[in-house]
Amino acid sequence: MIGEPPSLYTLRNPLLTALRTNLELAARSSGADPLMTGAMEQTARWERLNDDLVQLSRIEGGIGLENVGPVDLGPQLCRLGLLMRRPCLKGY
């Protein structure tokens, strides 16, 4: 349905898990094959992208935002300023 976030099942693709498992098993038997290493790195990249999409879906659906509130960024910005050797505003 348009406007609703996709279900988590459609985003958590079991194919990626199966692919990673098969690549790991193949890597054990083939050793340090550069093609196998590249395939494993790309699979990890797809898994991270998939995880990011799941998080985005949850945020868009309002899941897990019950305890979200205002955050005072002053102390963090001051700390960043100190790290960059810049003076902080008064009060921080």
Protein backbone atom coordinates (compact mmCIF):
# COMPACT_ATOMS: atom_id res chain seq x y z
CA MET A 1 0.00 0.00 0.00
CA ILE A 2 1.36 3.45 -0.91
CA GLY A 3 2.35 5.61 2.06
CA GLU A 4 3.00 2.69 4.40
CA PRO A 5 6.54 1.53 5.13
CA PRO A 6 7.39 -1.84 3.63
CA SER A 7 7.19 -4.74 6.03
CA LEU A 8 10.41 -5.71 7.75
CA TYR A 9 10.21 -9.13 6.13
CA THR A 10 10.39 -7.65 2.65
CA LEU A 11 13.46 -5.62 3.65
CA ARG A 12 15.26 -8.37 5.57
CA ASN A 13 16.06 -10.53 2.65
CA PRO A 14 16.92 -14.10 3.61
CA LEU A 15 18.77 -14.35 0.32
CA LEU A 16 21.58 -12.14 1.71
CA THR A 17 22.00 -14.41 4.71
CA ALA A 18 22.11 -17.50 2.52
CA LEU A 19 24.56 -15.84 0.13
CA ARG A 20 26.88 -14.79 2.97
CA THR A 21 26.78 -18.27 4.50
CA ASN A 22 27.56 -19.95 1.17
CA LEU A 23 30.40 -17.52 0.46
CA GLU A 24 31.90 -18.14 3.90
CA LEU A 25 31.76 -21.89 3.37
CA ALA A 26 33.29 -21.58 -0.10
CA ALA A 27 36.02 -19.28 1.25
CA ARG A 28 37.00 -21.90 3.82
CA SER A 29 37.59 -24.46 1.12
CA SER A 30 39.17 -22.17 -1.48
CA GLY A 31 41.45 -20.15 0.79
CA ALA A 32 42.21 -16.48 0.17
CA ASP A 33 40.75 -16.15 -3.33
CA PRO A 34 40.53 -12.45 -4.30
CA LEU A 35 37.22 -12.99 -6.11
CA MET A 36 35.74 -14.68 -3.04
CA THR A 37 37.00 -11.86 -0.81
CA GLY A 38 35.45 -9.28 -3.14
CA ALA A 39 32.14 -11.14 -3.21
CA MET A 40 32.10 -11.31 0.60
CA GLU A 41 32.84 -7.58 0.87
CA GLN A 42 30.02 -6.75 -1.55
CA THR A 43 27.64 -9.01 0.35
CA ALA A 44 28.56 -7.24 3.60
CA ARG A 45 27.93 -3.91 1.85
CA TRP A 46 24.46 -5.10 0.74
CA GLU A 47 23.71 -6.27 4.27
CA ARG A 48 24.64 -2.84 5.69
CA LEU A 49 22.48 -1.16 3.06
CA ASN A 50 19.63 -3.52 3.91
CA ASP A 51 20.01 -2.76 7.63
CA ASP A 52 19.95 0.97 6.87
CA LEU A 53 16.73 0.52 4.89
CA VAL A 54 15.16 -1.38 7.79
CA GLN A 55 16.12 1.45 10.16
CA LEU A 56 14.74 4.05 7.76
CA SER A 57 11.52 2.08 7.46
CA ARG A 58 11.18 1.99 11.24
CA ILE A 59 11.81 5.71 11.54
CA GLU A 60 9.29 6.52 8.82
CA GLY A 61 6.78 4.23 10.50
CA GLY A 62 7.37 5.86 13.89
CA ILE A 63 8.68 2.61 15.40
CA GLY A 64 11.12 3.13 18.27
CA LEU A 65 10.60 6.88 18.52
CA GLU A 66 8.62 6.79 21.75
CA ASN A 67 11.50 8.07 23.90
CA VAL A 68 12.80 10.71 21.50
CA GLY A 69 12.95 14.25 22.79
CA PRO A 70 14.87 17.50 22.46
CA VAL A 71 18.64 17.34 22.78
CA ASP A 72 20.85 20.19 23.97
CA LEU A 73 23.60 20.34 21.35
CA GLY A 74 25.52 23.11 23.13
CA PRO A 75 27.88 20.84 25.09
CA GLN A 76 28.58 18.66 22.06
CA LEU A 77 29.24 21.67 19.84
CA CYS A 78 31.49 23.16 22.51
CA ARG A 79 33.44 19.92 22.71
CA LEU A 80 33.77 19.92 18.94
CA GLY A 81 34.98 23.52 19.09
CA LEU A 82 37.59 22.55 21.66
CA LEU A 83 38.73 19.71 19.45
CA MET A 84 39.08 22.21 16.61
CA ARG A 85 40.81 24.66 18.99
CA ARG A 86 38.06 27.23 18.77
CA PRO A 87 36.58 28.98 21.82
CA CYS A 88 33.18 27.92 23.15
CA LEU A 89 30.22 30.23 23.66
CA LYS A 90 29.64 31.39 27.21
CA GLY A 91 27.55 29.03 29.26
CA TYR A 92 29.05 25.83 27.84
